[in-house]
Amino acid sequence: MQQLYNVAQNKLIILYFMEVIKIPLTNPQITRFFLENNIVSYFDLQHYLSELMESKLLNCLETRKKHFYSITAAGIKTLGFFKNKIDSDLKAKIESYAQEHRDNLRRENQITSSYTKIAEGQYIVTCKVLEQDMTILELNLNVTDSEHAKSMCENWLNRAPEIYKDLISSLIT
């Protein structure tokens, strides 16, 4: 049986899903979860994603063949105000799905980050966006602290679309 929620609640559910999954996802990956769980119809989902992007609560990285969606800082802030309005069973289902599928989804998307210690107090952080095993973007950053390296890796996985978009925009203008 399909659960029917109001528009605002459906958008909150999408934001919650994106926050909990913690990685950028393609439209088909997002759609698969929502349709398999009968949360929202395909056309409504597409409309909500578009509106969430227009209101800058979601961001979209456009590569040559894929679009990656991620939640923005404004989306996280908005969700923080209204997270308690989402049904606890649905939140549990989303959290379970994220825990079970996050690694496979990350591999599908090929947004990666890692760091390597190269000397005492020196780490190289490597952040990549790959598409069909072709590197679209690679950043190598030298940092002095393992905590900063870890933080940069986590932030890249969460914010690659936003960072990529800002970088390209800065380079073009």
C-alpha atoms as a PDB file:
ATOM      1  CA  MET A   1       0.000   0.000   0.000  1.00  0.00           C
ATOM      2  CA  GLN A   2       1.428   3.346  -1.026  1.00  0.00           C
ATOM      3  CA  GLN A   3       1.856   5.821   1.769  1.00  0.00           C
ATOM      4  CA  LEU A   4       0.604   9.259   0.904  1.00  0.00           C
ATOM      5  CA  TYR A   5       2.255  12.248   2.528  1.00  0.00           C
ATOM      6  CA  ASN A   6       1.820  15.923   1.887  1.00  0.00           C
ATOM      7  CA  VAL A   7       4.249  17.739  -0.384  1.00  0.00           C
ATOM      8  CA  ALA A   8       6.303  19.295   2.422  1.00  0.00           C
ATOM      9  CA  GLN A   9       6.641  15.986   4.219  1.00  0.00           C
ATOM     10  CA  ASN A  10       7.694  14.206   1.009  1.00  0.00           C
ATOM     11  CA  LYS A  11      10.428  16.792   0.506  1.00  0.00           C
ATOM     12  CA  LEU A  12      11.568  16.310   4.112  1.00  0.00           C
ATOM     13  CA  ILE A  13      11.723  12.557   3.551  1.00  0.00           C
ATOM     14  CA  ILE A  14      13.918  13.095   0.476  1.00  0.00           C
ATOM     15  CA  LEU A  15      16.200  15.418   2.447  1.00  0.00           C
ATOM     16  CA  TYR A  16      16.362  12.901   5.293  1.00  0.00           C
ATOM     17  CA  PHE A  17      17.247  10.122   2.858  1.00  0.00           C
ATOM     18  CA  MET A  18      20.022  12.220   1.329  1.00  0.00           C
ATOM     19  CA  GLU A  19      21.396  13.219   4.729  1.00  0.00           C
ATOM     20  CA  VAL A  20      21.411   9.662   6.066  1.00  0.00           C
ATOM     21  CA  ILE A  21      22.919   8.089   2.942  1.00  0.00           C
ATOM     22  CA  LYS A  22      25.841  10.565   3.228  1.00  0.00           C
ATOM     23  CA  ILE A  23      27.005  10.214  -0.384  1.00  0.00           C
ATOM     24  CA  PRO A  24      25.955  11.837  -3.654  1.00  0.00           C
ATOM     25  CA  LEU A  25      23.453   9.692  -5.549  1.00  0.00           C
ATOM     26  CA  THR A  26      22.210   9.536  -9.111  1.00  0.00           C
ATOM     27  CA  ASN A  27      18.564  10.035  -9.949  1.00  0.00           C
ATOM     28  CA  PRO A  28      18.049   6.302 -10.644  1.00  0.00           C
ATOM     29  CA  GLN A  29      19.557   5.406  -7.261  1.00  0.00           C
ATOM     30  CA  ILE A  30      17.237   7.802  -5.436  1.00  0.00           C
ATOM     31  CA  THR A  31      14.256   6.716  -7.519  1.00  0.00           C
ATOM     32  CA  ARG A  32      14.921   3.028  -6.858  1.00  0.00           C
ATOM     33  CA  PHE A  33      14.637   3.486  -3.091  1.00  0.00           C
ATOM     34  CA  PHE A  34      11.480   5.601  -3.204  1.00  0.00           C
ATOM     35  CA  LEU A  35       9.650   3.403  -5.703  1.00  0.00           C
ATOM     36  CA  GLU A  36      10.664   0.078  -4.129  1.00  0.00           C
ATOM     37  CA  ASN A  37       9.336   1.324  -0.803  1.00  0.00           C
ATOM     38  CA  ASN A  38       6.180   2.926  -2.248  1.00  0.00           C
ATOM     39  CA  ILE A  39       6.941   6.249  -0.610  1.00  0.00           C
ATOM     40  CA  VAL A  40       6.225   8.568  -3.528  1.00  0.00           C
ATOM     41  CA  SER A  41       5.364   8.180  -7.205  1.00  0.00           C
ATOM     42  CA  TYR A  42       8.011   8.559  -9.896  1.00  0.00           C
ATOM     43  CA  PHE A  43       6.633  11.816 -11.313  1.00  0.00           C
ATOM     44  CA  ASP A  44       6.123  13.389  -7.900  1.00  0.00           C
ATOM     45  CA  LEU A  45       9.669  12.416  -6.903  1.00  0.00           C
ATOM     46  CA  GLN A  46      11.120  14.064 -10.019  1.00  0.00           C
ATOM     47  CA  HIS A  47       9.097  17.189  -9.315  1.00  0.00           C
ATOM     48  CA  TYR A  48      10.245  17.286  -5.673  1.00  0.00           C
ATOM     49  CA  LEU A  49      13.899  16.808  -6.635  1.00  0.00           C
ATOM     50  CA  SER A  50      13.620  19.714  -9.064  1.00  0.00           C
ATOM     51  CA  GLU A  51      11.989  21.948  -6.445  1.00  0.00           C
ATOM     52  CA  LEU A  52      14.564  21.004  -3.806  1.00  0.00           C
ATOM     53  CA  MET A  53      17.332  21.994  -6.230  1.00  0.00           C
ATOM     54  CA  GLU A  54      15.611  25.279  -7.108  1.00  0.00           C
ATOM     55  CA  SER A  55      15.369  26.110  -3.415  1.00  0.00           C
ATOM     56  CA  LYS A  56      19.053  25.132  -2.983  1.00  0.00           C
ATOM     57  CA  LEU A  57      18.306  22.382  -0.466  1.00  0.00           C
ATOM     58  CA  LEU A  58      19.791  19.824  -2.864  1.00  0.00           C
ATOM     59  CA  ASN A  59      22.725  20.268  -5.190  1.00  0.00           C
ATOM     60  CA  CYS A  60      23.382  18.498  -8.471  1.00  0.00           C
ATOM     61  CA  LEU A  61      26.753  17.734 -10.048  1.00  0.00           C
ATOM     62  CA  GLU A  62      26.421  17.234 -13.791  1.00  0.00           C
ATOM     63  CA  THR A  63      29.134  15.152 -15.411  1.00  0.00           C
ATOM     64  CA  ARG A  64      29.085  14.026 -19.009  1.00  0.00           C
ATOM     65  CA  LYS A  65      26.786  11.082 -18.393  1.00  0.00           C
ATOM     66  CA  LYS A  66      25.498  11.332 -14.816  1.00  0.00           C
ATOM     67  CA  HIS A  67      23.895  13.768 -12.435  1.00  0.00           C
ATOM     68  CA  PHE A  68      24.786  13.393  -8.745  1.00  0.00           C
ATOM     69  CA  TYR A  69      22.462  14.788  -6.087  1.00  0.00           C
ATOM     70  CA  SER A  70      23.573  15.729  -2.588  1.00  0.00           C
ATOM     71  CA  ILE A  71      22.075  17.641   0.291  1.00  0.00           C
ATOM     72  CA  THR A  72      23.364  21.183   0.836  1.00  0.00           C
ATOM     73  CA  ALA A  73      24.166  22.882   4.149  1.00  0.00           C
ATOM     74  CA  ALA A  74      20.841  24.725   3.812  1.00  0.00           C
ATOM     75  CA  GLY A  75      19.098  21.373   3.283  1.00  0.00           C
ATOM     76  CA  ILE A  76      20.662  19.945   6.434  1.00  0.00           C
ATOM     77  CA  LYS A  77      19.689  23.056   8.389  1.00  0.00           C
ATOM     78  CA  THR A  78      16.110  22.927   7.117  1.00  0.00           C
ATOM     79  CA  LEU A  79      15.877  19.231   7.899  1.00  0.00           C
ATOM     80  CA  GLY A  80      17.125  19.917  11.428  1.00  0.00           C
ATOM     81  CA  PHE A  81      14.078  22.077  12.100  1.00  0.00           C
ATOM     82  CA  PHE A  82      11.548  19.508  10.882  1.00  0.00           C
ATOM     83  CA  LYS A  83      13.172  16.072  11.189  1.00  0.00           C
ATOM     84  CA  ASN A  84      10.809  15.153  14.007  1.00  0.00           C
ATOM     85  CA  LYS A  85       7.865  15.394  11.567  1.00  0.00           C
ATOM     86  CA  ILE A  86       9.028  12.258   9.730  1.00  0.00           C
ATOM     87  CA  ASP A  87       7.482   8.966  10.814  1.00  0.00           C
ATOM     88  CA  SER A  88       9.926   7.015  13.027  1.00  0.00           C
ATOM     89  CA  ASP A  89       9.298   3.725  11.165  1.00  0.00           C
ATOM     90  CA  LEU A  90      10.136   5.408   7.877  1.00  0.00           C
ATOM     91  CA  LYS A  91      13.277   6.937   9.385  1.00  0.00           C
ATOM     92  CA  ALA A  92      14.322   3.480  10.595  1.00  0.00           C
ATOM     93  CA  LYS A  93      13.716   2.040   7.100  1.00  0.00           C
ATOM     94  CA  ILE A  94      15.847   4.777   5.533  1.00  0.00           C
ATOM     95  CA  GLU A  95      18.632   4.295   8.087  1.00  0.00           C
ATOM     96  CA  SER A  96      18.624   0.527   7.556  1.00  0.00           C
ATOM     97  CA  TYR A  97      18.740   0.942   3.780  1.00  0.00           C
ATOM     98  CA  ALA A  98      21.610   3.442   4.030  1.00  0.00           C
ATOM     99  CA  GLN A  99      23.656   1.179   6.266  1.00  0.00           C
ATOM    100  CA  GLU A 100      23.074  -1.841   4.055  1.00  0.00           C
ATOM    101  CA  HIS A 101      23.582  -0.180   0.640  1.00  0.00           C
ATOM    102  CA  ARG A 102      25.948   2.795   1.145  1.00  0.00           C
ATOM    103  CA  ASP A 103      29.146   1.006   0.085  1.00  0.00           C
ATOM    104  CA  ASN A 104      27.596  -0.458  -3.067  1.00  0.00           C
ATOM    105  CA  LEU A 105      26.075   2.886  -4.005  1.00  0.00           C
ATOM    106  CA  ARG A 106      29.426   4.609  -3.478  1.00  0.00           C
ATOM    107  CA  ARG A 107      31.143   2.071  -5.733  1.00  0.00           C
ATOM    108  CA  GLU A 108      28.466   2.600  -8.398  1.00  0.00           C
ATOM    109  CA  ASN A 109      29.054   6.352  -8.307  1.00  0.00           C
ATOM    110  CA  GLN A 110      32.802   6.296  -8.056  1.00  0.00           C
ATOM    111  CA  ILE A 111      33.161   9.412  -5.951  1.00  0.00           C
ATOM    112  CA  THR A 112      36.174   8.510  -3.871  1.00  0.00           C
ATOM    113  CA  SER A 113      38.565   9.962  -1.359  1.00  0.00           C
ATOM    114  CA  SER A 114      41.562   8.600   0.500  1.00  0.00           C
ATOM    115  CA  TYR A 115      44.621   9.817   2.300  1.00  0.00           C
ATOM    116  CA  THR A 116      48.167   8.518   2.653  1.00  0.00           C
ATOM    117  CA  LYS A 117      50.852   9.383   5.156  1.00  0.00           C
ATOM    118  CA  ILE A 118      53.965  10.386   3.193  1.00  0.00           C
ATOM    119  CA  ALA A 119      56.138  11.628   6.061  1.00  0.00           C
ATOM    120  CA  GLU A 120      55.816  12.639   9.680  1.00  0.00           C
ATOM    121  CA  GLY A 121      53.186  15.387   9.771  1.00  0.00           C
ATOM    122  CA  GLN A 122      52.498  15.115   6.038  1.00  0.00           C
ATOM    123  CA  TYR A 123      49.506  13.477   4.364  1.00  0.00           C
ATOM    124  CA  ILE A 124      48.287  13.505   0.782  1.00  0.00           C
ATOM    125  CA  VAL A 125      44.504  13.621   0.436  1.00  0.00           C
ATOM    126  CA  THR A 126      43.221  12.374  -2.936  1.00  0.00           C
ATOM    127  CA  CYS A 127      39.667  13.242  -3.953  1.00  0.00           C
ATOM    128  CA  LYS A 128      38.227  11.924  -7.218  1.00  0.00           C
ATOM    129  CA  VAL A 129      35.151  11.908  -9.386  1.00  0.00           C
ATOM    130  CA  LEU A 130      35.192   9.005 -11.842  1.00  0.00           C
ATOM    131  CA  GLU A 131      32.802   8.144 -14.609  1.00  0.00           C
ATOM    132  CA  GLN A 132      32.991   4.687 -16.140  1.00  0.00           C
ATOM    133  CA  ASP A 133      36.560   4.368 -14.815  1.00  0.00           C
ATOM    134  CA  MET A 134      37.606   7.660 -16.428  1.00  0.00           C
ATOM    135  CA  THR A 135      38.802  10.398 -14.060  1.00  0.00           C
ATOM    136  CA  ILE A 136      36.649  13.522 -14.392  1.00  0.00           C
ATOM    137  CA  LEU A 137      38.331  15.370 -11.512  1.00  0.00           C
ATOM    138  CA  GLU A 138      41.206  14.565  -9.190  1.00  0.00           C
ATOM    139  CA  LEU A 139      42.453  16.747  -6.360  1.00  0.00           C
ATOM    140  CA  ASN A 140      45.631  15.978  -4.438  1.00  0.00           C
ATOM    141  CA  LEU A 141      46.085  18.076  -1.335  1.00  0.00           C
ATOM    142  CA  ASN A 142      48.987  18.070   1.102  1.00  0.00           C
ATOM    143  CA  VAL A 143      47.913  18.440   4.756  1.00  0.00           C
ATOM    144  CA  THR A 144      49.816  18.276   8.023  1.00  0.00           C
ATOM    145  CA  ASP A 145      47.421  16.386  10.244  1.00  0.00           C
ATOM    146  CA  SER A 146      45.627  13.033   9.989  1.00  0.00           C
ATOM    147  CA  GLU A 147      42.427  14.477  11.500  1.00  0.00           C
ATOM    148  CA  HIS A 148      42.299  17.111   8.766  1.00  0.00           C
ATOM    149  CA  ALA A 149      42.937  14.411   6.161  1.00  0.00           C
ATOM    150  CA  LYS A 150      40.064  12.280   7.521  1.00  0.00           C
ATOM    151  CA  SER A 151      37.750  15.264   7.671  1.00  0.00           C
ATOM    152  CA  MET A 152      38.584  16.273   4.096  1.00  0.00           C
ATOM    153  CA  CYS A 153      37.882  12.731   2.865  1.00  0.00           C
ATOM    154  CA  GLU A 154      34.496  12.627   4.609  1.00  0.00           C
ATOM    155  CA  ASN A 155      33.564  16.100   3.415  1.00  0.00           C
ATOM    156  CA  TRP A 156      34.499  15.211  -0.167  1.00  0.00           C
ATOM    157  CA  LEU A 157      32.211  12.183  -0.112  1.00  0.00           C
ATOM    158  CA  ASN A 158      29.380  14.331   1.240  1.00  0.00           C
ATOM    159  CA  ARG A 159      29.959  17.468  -0.810  1.00  0.00           C
ATOM    160  CA  ALA A 160      31.688  16.496  -4.074  1.00  0.00           C
ATOM    161  CA  PRO A 161      28.887  17.804  -6.323  1.00  0.00           C
ATOM    162  CA  GLU A 162      28.836  21.181  -4.592  1.00  0.00           C
ATOM    163  CA  ILE A 163      32.653  21.499  -4.607  1.00  0.00           C
ATOM    164  CA  TYR A 164      32.914  20.371  -8.242  1.00  0.00           C
ATOM    165  CA  LYS A 165      30.258  22.852  -9.333  1.00  0.00           C
ATOM    166  CA  ASP A 166      31.932  25.732  -7.446  1.00  0.00           C
ATOM    167  CA  LEU A 167      35.361  24.821  -8.829  1.00  0.00           C
ATOM    168  CA  ILE A 168      34.149  24.665 -12.437  1.00  0.00           C
ATOM    169  CA  SER A 169      32.196  27.884 -12.005  1.00  0.00           C
ATOM    170  CA  SER A 170      35.265  29.633 -10.571  1.00  0.00           C
ATOM    171  CA  LEU A 171      37.458  28.432 -13.411  1.00  0.00           C
ATOM    172  CA  ILE A 172      35.011  29.447 -16.144  1.00  0.00           C
ATOM    173  CA  THR A 173      34.328  32.980 -14.906  1.00  0.00           C
END
